[in-house]
PDB file of N, CA and C in Angstrom:
ATOM      1  N   MET A   1       1.599   6.132  17.166  1.00  0.00           N
ATOM      2  CA  MET A   1       1.193   4.667  16.998  1.00  0.00           C
ATOM      3  C   MET A   1       1.283   5.503  15.272  1.00  0.00           C
ATOM      4  N   ASN A   2       1.948   4.469  14.455  1.00  0.00           N
ATOM      5  CA  ASN A   2       2.119   4.357  13.229  1.00  0.00           C
ATOM      6  C   ASN A   2       1.393   3.329  12.587  1.00  0.00           C
ATOM      7  N   LYS A   3       0.001   3.564  12.242  1.00  0.00           N
ATOM      8  CA  LYS A   3      -1.244   2.557  11.582  1.00  0.00           C
ATOM      9  C   LYS A   3      -1.670   3.128  10.461  1.00  0.00           C
ATOM     10  N   LEU A   4      -1.658   2.309   9.582  1.00  0.00           N
ATOM     11  CA  LEU A   4      -2.914   3.295   8.214  1.00  0.00           C
ATOM     12  C   LEU A   4      -3.562   2.388   7.471  1.00  0.00           C
ATOM     13  N   VAL A   5      -4.617   1.890   7.466  1.00  0.00           N
ATOM     14  CA  VAL A   5      -6.237   1.265   6.851  1.00  0.00           C
ATOM     15  C   VAL A   5      -6.307   2.209   5.567  1.00  0.00           C
ATOM     16  N   LEU A   6      -6.371   1.402   4.412  1.00  0.00           N
ATOM     17  CA  LEU A   6      -6.742   1.964   3.243  1.00  0.00           C
ATOM     18  C   LEU A   6      -7.306   0.881   2.250  1.00  0.00           C
ATOM     19  N   GLN A   7      -8.668   1.660   2.073  1.00  0.00           N
ATOM     20  CA  GLN A   7      -8.974   1.037   0.870  1.00  0.00           C
ATOM     21  C   GLN A   7      -8.960   1.442  -0.564  1.00  0.00           C
ATOM     22  N   ALA A   8      -8.540   0.715  -1.042  1.00  0.00           N
ATOM     23  CA  ALA A   8      -8.076   1.147  -2.576  1.00  0.00           C
ATOM     24  C   ALA A   8      -8.060   0.077  -3.962  1.00  0.00           C
ATOM     25  N   GLU A   9      -7.306   0.352  -4.918  1.00  0.00           N
ATOM     26  CA  GLU A   9      -7.809  -0.350  -6.263  1.00  0.00           C
ATOM     27  C   GLU A   9      -6.242  -0.391  -6.643  1.00  0.00           C
ATOM     28  N   VAL A  10      -5.714  -1.967  -6.484  1.00  0.00           N
ATOM     29  CA  VAL A  10      -3.874  -2.124  -7.144  1.00  0.00           C
ATOM     30  C   VAL A  10      -4.066  -1.382  -8.641  1.00  0.00           C
ATOM     31  N   VAL A  11      -2.910  -0.405  -9.127  1.00  0.00           N
ATOM     32  CA  VAL A  11      -3.113  -0.043 -10.602  1.00  0.00           C
ATOM     33  C   VAL A  11      -1.835   0.072 -11.092  1.00  0.00           C
ATOM     34  N   HIS A  12      -0.681  -0.402 -10.352  1.00  0.00           N
ATOM     35  CA  HIS A  12       0.561  -1.206 -10.503  1.00  0.00           C
ATOM     36  C   HIS A  12       1.377  -1.859  -9.739  1.00  0.00           C
ATOM     37  N   ILE A  13       1.592  -2.757 -10.435  1.00  0.00           N
ATOM     38  CA  ILE A  13       2.611  -4.364 -10.054  1.00  0.00           C
ATOM     39  C   ILE A  13       4.065  -4.143 -10.105  1.00  0.00           C
ATOM     40  N   GLU A  14       4.831  -4.107  -9.506  1.00  0.00           N
ATOM     41  CA  GLU A  14       6.293  -4.024 -10.096  1.00  0.00           C
ATOM     42  C   GLU A  14       6.621  -6.067  -9.874  1.00  0.00           C
ATOM     43  N   PRO A  15       7.476  -6.318 -10.984  1.00  0.00           N
ATOM     44  CA  PRO A  15       7.677  -7.726 -11.189  1.00  0.00           C
ATOM     45  C   PRO A  15       8.115  -8.139  -9.781  1.00  0.00           C
ATOM     46  N   LEU A  16       7.733  -9.426  -8.965  1.00  0.00           N
ATOM     47  CA  LEU A  16       8.458 -10.090  -7.604  1.00  0.00           C
ATOM     48  C   LEU A  16       9.791 -10.141  -7.372  1.00  0.00           C
ATOM     49  N   ARG A  17      10.444  -9.678  -6.263  1.00  0.00           N
ATOM     50  CA  ARG A  17      11.970  -9.379  -6.400  1.00  0.00           C
ATOM     51  C   ARG A  17      12.292 -10.296  -4.894  1.00  0.00           C
ATOM     52  N   TYR A  18      13.510 -10.327  -4.620  1.00  0.00           N
ATOM     53  CA  TYR A  18      13.821 -10.853  -3.263  1.00  0.00           C
ATOM     54  C   TYR A  18      14.680 -10.065  -2.208  1.00  0.00           C
ATOM     55  N   THR A  19      14.563 -10.134  -1.150  1.00  0.00           N
ATOM     56  CA  THR A  19      15.712  -9.445  -0.360  1.00  0.00           C
ATOM     57  C   THR A  19      16.893 -10.284  -0.487  1.00  0.00           C
ATOM     58  N   PRO A  20      17.909  -9.367  -0.272  1.00  0.00           N
ATOM     59  CA  PRO A  20      19.262 -10.413   0.668  1.00  0.00           C
ATOM     60  C   PRO A  20      19.127 -11.213   1.253  1.00  0.00           C
ATOM     61  N   ALA A  21      17.860 -11.565   2.408  1.00  0.00           N
ATOM     62  CA  ALA A  21      17.578 -12.369   3.217  1.00  0.00           C
ATOM     63  C   ALA A  21      16.896 -13.562   2.143  1.00  0.00           C
ATOM     64  N   GLY A  22      16.551 -13.593   0.971  1.00  0.00           N
ATOM     65  CA  GLY A  22      15.617 -14.401   0.391  1.00  0.00           C
ATOM     66  C   GLY A  22      14.075 -14.250   0.498  1.00  0.00           C
ATOM     67  N   ILE A  23      13.607 -13.321   1.344  1.00  0.00           N
ATOM     68  CA  ILE A  23      12.157 -13.090   1.418  1.00  0.00           C
ATOM     69  C   ILE A  23      11.580 -12.491   0.416  1.00  0.00           C
ATOM     70  N   PRO A  24      10.103 -12.906   0.417  1.00  0.00           N
ATOM     71  CA  PRO A  24      10.036 -11.773  -1.255  1.00  0.00           C
ATOM     72  C   PRO A  24       9.108 -11.071  -1.046  1.00  0.00           C
ATOM     73  N   LEU A  25       9.487 -10.062  -2.002  1.00  0.00           N
ATOM     74  CA  LEU A  25       9.092  -8.725  -1.940  1.00  0.00           C
ATOM     75  C   LEU A  25       8.279  -7.830  -3.127  1.00  0.00           C
ATOM     76  N   LEU A  26       7.431  -7.439  -2.744  1.00  0.00           N
ATOM     77  CA  LEU A  26       6.174  -7.058  -4.016  1.00  0.00           C
ATOM     78  C   LEU A  26       5.849  -5.862  -3.621  1.00  0.00           C
ATOM     79  N   SER A  27       6.437  -4.670  -4.816  1.00  0.00           N
ATOM     80  CA  SER A  27       6.021  -2.979  -4.688  1.00  0.00           C
ATOM     81  C   SER A  27       4.838  -3.085  -5.771  1.00  0.00           C
ATOM     82  N   VAL A  28       3.963  -2.269  -4.988  1.00  0.00           N
ATOM     83  CA  VAL A  28       2.767  -1.553  -5.889  1.00  0.00           C
ATOM     84  C   VAL A  28       2.290  -0.640  -5.240  1.00  0.00           C
ATOM     85  N   VAL A  29       1.460  -0.078  -6.339  1.00  0.00           N
ATOM     86  CA  VAL A  29       1.095   1.453  -6.516  1.00  0.00           C
ATOM     87  C   VAL A  29      -0.647   1.373  -6.318  1.00  0.00           C
ATOM     88  N   LEU A  30      -0.951   1.386  -4.814  1.00  0.00           N
ATOM     89  CA  LEU A  30      -2.565   1.481  -4.522  1.00  0.00           C
ATOM     90  C   LEU A  30      -3.087   3.080  -4.875  1.00  0.00           C
ATOM     91  N   ARG A  31      -4.426   3.398  -5.720  1.00  0.00           N
ATOM     92  CA  ARG A  31      -5.323   4.180  -5.839  1.00  0.00           C
ATOM     93  C   ARG A  31      -6.166   4.466  -4.728  1.00  0.00           C
ATOM     94  N   HIS A  32      -6.703   5.432  -4.354  1.00  0.00           N
ATOM     95  CA  HIS A  32      -7.704   5.414  -3.431  1.00  0.00           C
ATOM     96  C   HIS A  32      -8.394   7.017  -3.579  1.00  0.00           C
ATOM     97  N   ALA A  33      -9.709   6.745  -3.227  1.00  0.00           N
ATOM     98  CA  ALA A  33     -10.845   7.703  -3.829  1.00  0.00           C
ATOM     99  C   ALA A  33     -11.607   7.969  -2.828  1.00  0.00           C
ATOM    100  N   SER A  34     -12.203   8.458  -1.975  1.00  0.00           N
ATOM    101  CA  SER A  34     -13.195   9.072  -1.031  1.00  0.00           C
ATOM    102  C   SER A  34     -13.673   9.701  -0.836  1.00  0.00           C
ATOM    103  N   GLU A  35     -14.467  10.212  -0.089  1.00  0.00           N
ATOM    104  CA  GLU A  35     -15.206  11.385   0.235  1.00  0.00           C
ATOM    105  C   GLU A  35     -14.852  11.726   1.772  1.00  0.00           C
ATOM    106  N   GLN A  36     -14.308  12.492   2.210  1.00  0.00           N
ATOM    107  CA  GLN A  36     -13.786  12.761   3.801  1.00  0.00           C
ATOM    108  C   GLN A  36     -14.765  14.199   4.401  1.00  0.00           C
ATOM    109  N   ILE A  37     -14.786  14.275   5.480  1.00  0.00           N
ATOM    110  CA  ILE A  37     -15.245  15.156   6.575  1.00  0.00           C
ATOM    111  C   ILE A  37     -14.224  15.849   7.029  1.00  0.00           C
ATOM    112  N   GLU A  38     -14.242  17.157   6.777  1.00  0.00           N
ATOM    113  CA  GLU A  38     -12.665  17.816   7.218  1.00  0.00           C
ATOM    114  C   GLU A  38     -13.249  19.221   7.658  1.00  0.00           C
ATOM    115  N   ALA A  39     -13.443  19.746   8.429  1.00  0.00           N
ATOM    116  CA  ALA A  39     -13.781  21.109   9.392  1.00  0.00           C
ATOM    117  C   ALA A  39     -14.980  21.147   8.886  1.00  0.00           C
ATOM    118  N   GLY A  40     -15.703  20.254   9.297  1.00  0.00           N
ATOM    119  CA  GLY A  40     -17.538  20.625   8.872  1.00  0.00           C
ATOM    120  C   GLY A  40     -17.987  20.180   7.362  1.00  0.00           C
ATOM    121  N   MET A  41     -16.621  19.690   6.403  1.00  0.00           N
ATOM    122  CA  MET A  41     -17.088  20.260   5.041  1.00  0.00           C
ATOM    123  C   MET A  41     -16.902  18.686   4.245  1.00  0.00           C
ATOM    124  N   LYS A  42     -17.973  18.523   2.992  1.00  0.00           N
ATOM    125  CA  LYS A  42     -17.513  17.474   2.658  1.00  0.00           C
ATOM    126  C   LYS A  42     -16.184  17.516   1.641  1.00  0.00           C
ATOM    127  N   ARG A  43     -15.487  16.338   1.532  1.00  0.00           N
ATOM    128  CA  ARG A  43     -13.782  16.947   0.744  1.00  0.00           C
ATOM    129  C   ARG A  43     -13.799  15.541  -0.155  1.00  0.00           C
ATOM    130  N   LYS A  44     -13.612  15.907  -1.342  1.00  0.00           N
ATOM    131  CA  LYS A  44     -12.978  14.781  -2.321  1.00  0.00           C
ATOM    132  C   LYS A  44     -11.599  14.839  -1.910  1.00  0.00           C
ATOM    133  N   VAL A  45     -11.397  13.026  -2.021  1.00  0.00           N
ATOM    134  CA  VAL A  45      -9.930  12.830  -1.806  1.00  0.00           C
ATOM    135  C   VAL A  45      -9.325  11.784  -2.732  1.00  0.00           C
ATOM    136  N   GLU A  46      -8.272  12.089  -3.201  1.00  0.00           N
ATOM    137  CA  GLU A  46      -7.587  11.022  -4.101  1.00  0.00           C
ATOM    138  C   GLU A  46      -6.397  10.837  -4.334  1.00  0.00           C
ATOM    139  N   CYS A  47      -5.943   9.820  -3.954  1.00  0.00           N
ATOM    140  CA  CYS A  47      -4.023   9.687  -4.005  1.00  0.00           C
ATOM    141  C   CYS A  47      -3.933   8.600  -4.295  1.00  0.00           C
ATOM    142  N   GLU A  48      -2.597   8.575  -4.759  1.00  0.00           N
ATOM    143  CA  GLU A  48      -1.562   7.257  -4.844  1.00  0.00           C
ATOM    144  C   GLU A  48      -0.726   7.092  -3.936  1.00  0.00           C
ATOM    145  N   VAL A  49      -0.596   5.918  -3.782  1.00  0.00           N
ATOM    146  CA  VAL A  49       0.258   5.137  -2.347  1.00  0.00           C
ATOM    147  C   VAL A  49       1.122   4.055  -2.976  1.00  0.00           C
ATOM    148  N   ASN A  50       2.678   4.478  -2.710  1.00  0.00           N
ATOM    149  CA  ASN A  50       3.477   3.368  -3.077  1.00  0.00           C
ATOM    150  C   ASN A  50       3.495   2.624  -1.729  1.00  0.00           C
ATOM    151  N   ALA A  51       3.537   1.238  -2.019  1.00  0.00           N
ATOM    152  CA  ALA A  51       3.581   0.417  -0.900  1.00  0.00           C
ATOM    153  C   ALA A  51       4.409  -1.409  -0.943  1.00  0.00           C
ATOM    154  N   LEU A  52       4.755  -1.649  -0.020  1.00  0.00           N
ATOM    155  CA  LEU A  52       5.002  -3.032  -0.406  1.00  0.00           C
ATOM    156  C   LEU A  52       4.833  -3.970   0.930  1.00  0.00           C
ATOM    157  N   ALA A  53       4.812  -5.471  -0.003  1.00  0.00           N
ATOM    158  CA  ALA A  53       4.538  -6.305   0.607  1.00  0.00           C
ATOM    159  C   ALA A  53       5.320  -7.083   1.002  1.00  0.00           C
ATOM    160  N   LEU A  54       5.723  -7.875   2.047  1.00  0.00           N
ATOM    161  CA  LEU A  54       6.780  -8.612   2.360  1.00  0.00           C
ATOM    162  C   LEU A  54       6.498 -10.151   2.519  1.00  0.00           C
ATOM    163  N   GLY A  55       7.311 -11.297   2.397  1.00  0.00           N
ATOM    164  CA  GLY A  55       7.250 -12.727   2.540  1.00  0.00           C
ATOM    165  C   GLY A  55       5.832 -13.370   2.145  1.00  0.00           C
ATOM    166  N   ASP A  56       5.031 -13.860   2.817  1.00  0.00           N
ATOM    167  CA  ASP A  56       3.735 -14.544   2.394  1.00  0.00           C
ATOM    168  C   ASP A  56       2.332 -13.691   1.345  1.00  0.00           C
ATOM    169  N   LEU A  57       2.353 -12.086   2.433  1.00  0.00           N
ATOM    170  CA  LEU A  57       2.020 -11.467   1.453  1.00  0.00           C
ATOM    171  C   LEU A  57       1.910 -10.896   0.183  1.00  0.00           C
ATOM    172  N   ALA A  58       3.581 -10.926  -0.079  1.00  0.00           N
ATOM    173  CA  ALA A  58       4.117 -10.780  -1.538  1.00  0.00           C
ATOM    174  C   ALA A  58       3.675 -11.713  -2.617  1.00  0.00           C
ATOM    175  N   LEU A  59       3.314 -13.316  -2.026  1.00  0.00           N
ATOM    176  CA  LEU A  59       2.830 -14.194  -3.054  1.00  0.00           C
ATOM    177  C   LEU A  59       1.237 -14.087  -3.017  1.00  0.00           C
ATOM    178  N   GLN A  60       0.632 -13.335  -2.767  1.00  0.00           N
ATOM    179  CA  GLN A  60      -0.882 -13.717  -2.426  1.00  0.00           C
ATOM    180  C   GLN A  60      -1.297 -13.476  -4.245  1.00  0.00           C
ATOM    181  N   GLY A  61      -0.528 -13.010  -5.345  1.00  0.00           N
ATOM    182  CA  GLY A  61      -1.179 -13.090  -6.364  1.00  0.00           C
ATOM    183  C   GLY A  61      -1.973 -12.095  -6.536  1.00  0.00           C
ATOM    184  N   LEU A  62      -2.000 -10.712  -6.383  1.00  0.00           N
ATOM    185  CA  LEU A  62      -2.507  -9.342  -6.179  1.00  0.00           C
ATOM    186  C   LEU A  62      -2.343  -8.902  -7.664  1.00  0.00           C
ATOM    187  N   LYS A  63      -3.759  -8.437  -8.406  1.00  0.00           N
ATOM    188  CA  LYS A  63      -3.656  -8.059  -9.795  1.00  0.00           C
ATOM    189  C   LYS A  63      -4.086  -6.546  -9.790  1.00  0.00           C
ATOM    190  N   ILE A  64      -3.723  -6.529 -10.941  1.00  0.00           N
ATOM    191  CA  ILE A  64      -3.800  -4.944 -11.076  1.00  0.00           C
ATOM    192  C   ILE A  64      -5.665  -4.915 -11.195  1.00  0.00           C
ATOM    193  N   GLY A  65      -5.972  -3.805 -10.980  1.00  0.00           N
ATOM    194  CA  GLY A  65      -7.463  -3.848 -10.895  1.00  0.00           C
ATOM    195  C   GLY A  65      -8.359  -4.298  -9.393  1.00  0.00           C
ATOM    196  N   SER A  66      -7.608  -4.911  -8.497  1.00  0.00           N
ATOM    197  CA  SER A  66      -8.062  -5.578  -7.633  1.00  0.00           C
ATOM    198  C   SER A  66      -8.339  -4.238  -6.757  1.00  0.00           C
ATOM    199  N   HIS A  67      -9.677  -4.763  -5.862  1.00  0.00           N
ATOM    200  CA  HIS A  67     -10.365  -3.649  -4.745  1.00  0.00           C
ATOM    201  C   HIS A  67      -9.815  -4.569  -3.330  1.00  0.00           C
ATOM    202  N   ILE A  68      -9.005  -3.735  -2.975  1.00  0.00           N
ATOM    203  CA  ILE A  68      -8.392  -4.643  -1.535  1.00  0.00           C
ATOM    204  C   ILE A  68      -8.581  -3.392  -0.142  1.00  0.00           C
ATOM    205  N   ARG A  69      -8.537  -3.929   0.728  1.00  0.00           N
ATOM    206  CA  ARG A  69      -8.610  -3.085   1.980  1.00  0.00           C
ATOM    207  C   ARG A  69      -6.926  -3.541   2.460  1.00  0.00           C
ATOM    208  N   VAL A  70      -6.149  -2.593   2.835  1.00  0.00           N
ATOM    209  CA  VAL A  70      -4.478  -2.825   3.438  1.00  0.00           C
ATOM    210  C   VAL A  70      -4.110  -2.181   4.707  1.00  0.00           C
ATOM    211  N   THR A  71      -3.701  -2.971   5.684  1.00  0.00           N
ATOM    212  CA  THR A  71      -3.380  -2.380   7.355  1.00  0.00           C
ATOM    213  C   THR A  71      -2.113  -2.366   6.830  1.00  0.00           C
ATOM    214  N   GLY A  72      -1.414  -1.295   7.412  1.00  0.00           N
ATOM    215  CA  GLY A  72      -0.125  -1.534   7.512  1.00  0.00           C
ATOM    216  C   GLY A  72       0.556  -0.074   8.240  1.00  0.00           C
ATOM    217  N   PHE A  73       1.663   0.250   7.892  1.00  0.00           N
ATOM    218  CA  PHE A  73       2.437   1.234   8.347  1.00  0.00           C
ATOM    219  C   PHE A  73       3.417   1.698   7.548  1.00  0.00           C
ATOM    220  N   LEU A  74       3.646   3.679   7.433  1.00  0.00           N
ATOM    221  CA  LEU A  74       4.481   4.172   7.180  1.00  0.00           C
ATOM    222  C   LEU A  74       5.977   4.085   7.300  1.00  0.00           C
ATOM    223  N   ALA A  75       6.808   4.137   6.673  1.00  0.00           N
ATOM    224  CA  ALA A  75       8.013   4.292   6.637  1.00  0.00           C
ATOM    225  C   ALA A  75       8.894   4.767   5.773  1.00  0.00           C
ATOM    226  N   LYS A  76      10.083   5.184   6.252  1.00  0.00           N
ATOM    227  CA  LYS A  76      10.825   5.787   4.902  1.00  0.00           C
ATOM    228  C   LYS A  76      11.312   5.111   3.682  1.00  0.00           C
ATOM    229  N   ARG A  77      10.950   5.189   2.611  1.00  0.00           N
ATOM    230  CA  ARG A  77      11.786   4.400   1.384  1.00  0.00           C
ATOM    231  C   ARG A  77      13.058   3.561   1.695  1.00  0.00           C
ATOM    232  N   SER A  78      13.768   4.334   2.266  1.00  0.00           N
ATOM    233  CA  SER A  78      15.627   4.337   2.447  1.00  0.00           C
ATOM    234  C   SER A  78      16.010   5.120   3.710  1.00  0.00           C
ATOM    235  N   LEU A  79      17.445   4.636   3.877  1.00  0.00           N
ATOM    236  CA  LEU A  79      17.584   5.163   5.247  1.00  0.00           C
ATOM    237  C   LEU A  79      17.908   6.794   4.795  1.00  0.00           C
ATOM    238  N   LYS A  80      18.153   7.161   2.906  1.00  0.00           N
ATOM    239  CA  LYS A  80      18.418   8.579   3.112  1.00  0.00           C
ATOM    240  C   LYS A  80      17.086   9.252   2.282  1.00  0.00           C
ATOM    241  N   SER A  81      16.267   8.333   2.465  1.00  0.00           N
ATOM    242  CA  SER A  81      15.107   9.337   1.720  1.00  0.00           C
ATOM    243  C   SER A  81      13.957   9.184   2.553  1.00  0.00           C
ATOM    244  N   THR A  82      13.421  10.888   1.832  1.00  0.00           N
ATOM    245  CA  THR A  82      12.464  11.604   3.126  1.00  0.00           C
ATOM    246  C   THR A  82      11.319  10.793   2.291  1.00  0.00           C
ATOM    247  N   GLN A  83      11.229  10.486   1.126  1.00  0.00           N
ATOM    248  CA  GLN A  83       9.638   9.457   0.752  1.00  0.00           C
ATOM    249  C   GLN A  83       9.101   8.592   1.541  1.00  0.00           C
ATOM    250  N   LEU A  84       7.752   8.714   1.530  1.00  0.00           N
ATOM    251  CA  LEU A  84       7.016   7.888   2.465  1.00  0.00           C
ATOM    252  C   LEU A  84       6.755   6.412   1.670  1.00  0.00           C
ATOM    253  N   VAL A  85       6.928   5.515   2.167  1.00  0.00           N
ATOM    254  CA  VAL A  85       6.218   4.281   1.769  1.00  0.00           C
ATOM    255  C   VAL A  85       5.360   3.285   2.502  1.00  0.00           C
ATOM    256  N   MET A  86       3.939   2.820   2.690  1.00  0.00           N
ATOM    257  CA  MET A  86       3.248   1.714   3.042  1.00  0.00           C
ATOM    258  C   MET A  86       3.966   0.447   2.604  1.00  0.00           C
ATOM    259  N   HIS A  87       4.198   0.019   4.381  1.00  0.00           N
ATOM    260  CA  HIS A  87       4.530  -1.273   4.225  1.00  0.00           C
ATOM    261  C   HIS A  87       3.009  -2.375   4.664  1.00  0.00           C
ATOM    262  N   ILE A  88       2.857  -3.137   3.767  1.00  0.00           N
ATOM    263  CA  ILE A  88       1.496  -3.691   4.116  1.00  0.00           C
ATOM    264  C   ILE A  88       1.740  -5.004   4.758  1.00  0.00           C
ATOM    265  N   ASN A  89       1.118  -5.131   6.355  1.00  0.00           N
ATOM    266  CA  ASN A  89       0.856  -6.307   7.318  1.00  0.00           C
ATOM    267  C   ASN A  89      -0.365  -6.919   7.010  1.00  0.00           C
ATOM    268  N   ARG A  90      -1.264  -6.506   6.118  1.00  0.00           N
ATOM    269  CA  ARG A  90      -2.844  -7.273   6.166  1.00  0.00           C
ATOM    270  C   ARG A  90      -3.376  -7.081   4.952  1.00  0.00           C
ATOM    271  N   ILE A  91      -3.586  -7.847   3.953  1.00  0.00           N
ATOM    272  CA  ILE A  91      -4.355  -7.727   3.030  1.00  0.00           C
ATOM    273  C   ILE A  91      -5.686  -8.355   3.080  1.00  0.00           C
ATOM    274  N   GLU A  92      -7.186  -7.428   2.360  1.00  0.00           N
ATOM    275  CA  GLU A  92      -8.396  -8.309   2.198  1.00  0.00           C
ATOM    276  C   GLU A  92      -9.234  -7.644   1.097  1.00  0.00           C
ATOM    277  N   ASN A  93      -9.350  -8.360   0.085  1.00  0.00           N
ATOM    278  CA  ASN A  93     -10.460  -8.595  -1.009  1.00  0.00           C
ATOM    279  C   ASN A  93     -11.328  -7.844  -0.471  1.00  0.00           C
ATOM    280  N   ILE A  94     -11.941  -6.984  -1.641  1.00  0.00           N
ATOM    281  CA  ILE A  94     -13.292  -6.372  -0.967  1.00  0.00           C
ATOM    282  C   ILE A  94     -14.212  -6.265  -2.245  1.00  0.00           C
TER     283      ILE A  94
END
């Protein structure tokens, strides 16, 4: 299974663009910070995740500084890349 749920802040938004098929595509950077339990110990976790929203999700009007919960999956950025990017399937404002 490939499912990712992340609570994060929107820290960067690229200009809206369109795929060759005419589907709206929005690239964003999400910043996450939390405390997690690992091996019975608390660990502070911080990361930035590159993410993509396509179709109607790309048109939801995300703004820098928004706090959201996103659900989606991880995939390679392109066929020749090893870099991962999150593809967003659902966005909730929190």
